Amino acid sequence: MDVALIMLGMAVLDKIAPRKKDLLAWALVTCGAIITMAMLWLVTCGLM
């Protein structure tokens, strides 16, 4: 599921930012957001 989200994100980013530099920057931001959401989800599940 995570891989599918990453693939979908890359496909969307490829349309939004076709240039390599923009794509790399967007990929880093997207990965950071995914990691942050995963950490929040793990913390929430740990507290429940």
N, C-alpha and C. Protein backbone atom coordinates (compact mmCIF):
# COMPACT_ATOMS: atom_id res chain seq x y z
N MET A 1 0.84 -1.20 0.00
CA MET A 1 0.00 0.00 0.00
C MET A 1 0.88 1.25 0.00
N ASP A 2 1.92 1.25 0.84
CA ASP A 2 2.83 2.40 0.87
C ASP A 2 3.50 2.58 -0.49
N VAL A 3 3.89 1.48 -1.12
CA VAL A 3 4.54 1.55 -2.42
C VAL A 3 3.59 2.15 -3.44
N ALA A 4 2.31 1.76 -3.38
CA ALA A 4 1.31 2.29 -4.31
C ALA A 4 1.17 3.80 -4.12
N LEU A 5 1.16 4.24 -2.86
CA LEU A 5 1.05 5.68 -2.58
C LEU A 5 2.25 6.42 -3.14
N ILE A 6 3.44 5.84 -2.96
CA ILE A 6 4.66 6.49 -3.47
C ILE A 6 4.61 6.57 -4.99
N MET A 7 4.20 5.48 -5.63
CA MET A 7 4.11 5.46 -7.09
C MET A 7 3.10 6.49 -7.57
N LEU A 8 1.95 6.57 -6.88
CA LEU A 8 0.92 7.54 -7.25
C LEU A 8 1.47 8.96 -7.07
N GLY A 9 2.16 9.17 -5.96
CA GLY A 9 2.74 10.49 -5.70
C GLY A 9 3.74 10.87 -6.77
N MET A 10 4.57 9.92 -7.19
CA MET A 10 5.56 10.20 -8.22
C MET A 10 4.87 10.54 -9.54
N ALA A 11 3.80 9.82 -9.86
CA ALA A 11 3.07 10.08 -11.10
C ALA A 11 2.47 11.49 -11.08
N VAL A 12 1.88 11.85 -9.94
CA VAL A 12 1.29 13.19 -9.81
C VAL A 12 2.37 14.25 -9.89
N LEU A 13 3.49 14.03 -9.18
CA LEU A 13 4.58 15.00 -9.18
C LEU A 13 5.16 15.15 -10.59
N ASP A 14 5.20 14.04 -11.34
CA ASP A 14 5.74 14.10 -12.70
C ASP A 14 4.90 15.04 -13.57
N LYS A 15 3.58 15.10 -13.29
CA LYS A 15 2.70 15.99 -14.06
C LYS A 15 2.82 17.43 -13.55
N ILE A 16 2.94 17.58 -12.22
CA ILE A 16 3.02 18.91 -11.62
C ILE A 16 4.38 19.56 -11.91
N ALA A 17 5.46 18.82 -11.67
CA ALA A 17 6.80 19.38 -11.83
C ALA A 17 7.65 18.50 -12.73
N PRO A 18 7.58 18.72 -14.04
CA PRO A 18 8.32 17.88 -14.98
C PRO A 18 9.84 18.05 -14.89
N ARG A 19 10.30 19.23 -14.41
CA ARG A 19 11.75 19.43 -14.32
C ARG A 19 12.33 18.59 -13.18
N LYS A 20 13.55 18.08 -13.40
CA LYS A 20 14.18 17.18 -12.43
C LYS A 20 14.38 17.82 -11.06
N LYS A 21 14.85 19.06 -11.03
CA LYS A 21 15.08 19.72 -9.73
C LYS A 21 13.78 19.85 -8.96
N ASP A 22 12.73 20.28 -9.64
CA ASP A 22 11.42 20.43 -9.00
C ASP A 22 10.92 19.06 -8.53
N LEU A 23 11.11 18.05 -9.37
CA LEU A 23 10.65 16.70 -9.03
C LEU A 23 11.37 16.21 -7.78
N LEU A 24 12.68 16.42 -7.72
CA LEU A 24 13.45 15.99 -6.56
C LEU A 24 12.97 16.70 -5.30
N ALA A 25 12.78 18.01 -5.40
CA ALA A 25 12.32 18.78 -4.25
C ALA A 25 10.94 18.31 -3.79
N TRP A 26 10.02 18.12 -4.73
CA TRP A 26 8.68 17.65 -4.39
C TRP A 26 8.74 16.25 -3.80
N ALA A 27 9.62 15.38 -4.32
CA ALA A 27 9.74 14.02 -3.80
C ALA A 27 10.22 14.05 -2.35
N LEU A 28 11.20 14.91 -2.05
CA LEU A 28 11.70 15.02 -0.68
C LEU A 28 10.60 15.50 0.25
N VAL A 29 9.85 16.52 -0.17
CA VAL A 29 8.75 17.04 0.65
C VAL A 29 7.68 15.97 0.87
N THR A 30 7.35 15.25 -0.21
CA THR A 30 6.32 14.22 -0.12
C THR A 30 6.76 13.09 0.81
N CYS A 31 8.02 12.64 0.66
CA CYS A 31 8.54 11.58 1.53
C CYS A 31 8.53 12.05 2.98
N GLY A 32 8.90 13.30 3.21
CA GLY A 32 8.91 13.83 4.57
C GLY A 32 7.50 13.82 5.15
N ALA A 33 6.51 14.21 4.34
CA ALA A 33 5.12 14.24 4.79
C ALA A 33 4.63 12.83 5.10
N ILE A 34 4.97 11.86 4.24
CA ILE A 34 4.56 10.48 4.43
C ILE A 34 5.16 9.92 5.72
N ILE A 35 6.45 10.19 5.95
CA ILE A 35 7.13 9.71 7.15
C ILE A 35 6.50 10.34 8.39
N THR A 36 6.21 11.65 8.31
CA THR A 36 5.60 12.34 9.45
C THR A 36 4.23 11.73 9.76
N MET A 37 3.42 11.50 8.73
CA MET A 37 2.09 10.91 8.93
C MET A 37 2.23 9.50 9.51
N ALA A 38 3.19 8.73 9.02
CA ALA A 38 3.40 7.38 9.54
C ALA A 38 3.78 7.42 11.01
N MET A 39 4.67 8.33 11.38
CA MET A 39 5.09 8.45 12.78
C MET A 39 3.89 8.84 13.66
N LEU A 40 3.10 9.80 13.20
CA LEU A 40 1.90 10.21 13.96
C LEU A 40 0.94 9.04 14.11
N TRP A 41 0.77 8.27 13.03
CA TRP A 41 -0.13 7.12 13.07
C TRP A 41 0.36 6.08 14.07
N LEU A 42 1.67 5.82 14.06
CA LEU A 42 2.25 4.84 14.99
C LEU A 42 2.09 5.32 16.44
N VAL A 43 2.33 6.61 16.67
CA VAL A 43 2.19 7.15 18.03
C VAL A 43 0.73 7.05 18.48
N THR A 44 -0.19 7.40 17.59
CA THR A 44 -1.62 7.34 17.93
C THR A 44 -2.03 5.90 18.25
N CYS A 45 -1.60 4.96 17.43
CA CYS A 45 -1.94 3.55 17.67
C CYS A 45 -1.29 3.06 18.96
N GLY A 46 -0.08 3.55 19.25
CA GLY A 46 0.61 3.14 20.47
C GLY A 46 -0.12 3.63 21.71
N LEU A 47 -0.74 4.81 21.63
CA LEU A 47 -1.45 5.37 22.76
C LEU A 47 -2.81 4.70 22.95
N MET A 48 -3.38 4.18 21.86
CA MET A 48 -4.72 3.58 21.95
C MET A 48 -4.70 2.19 22.52
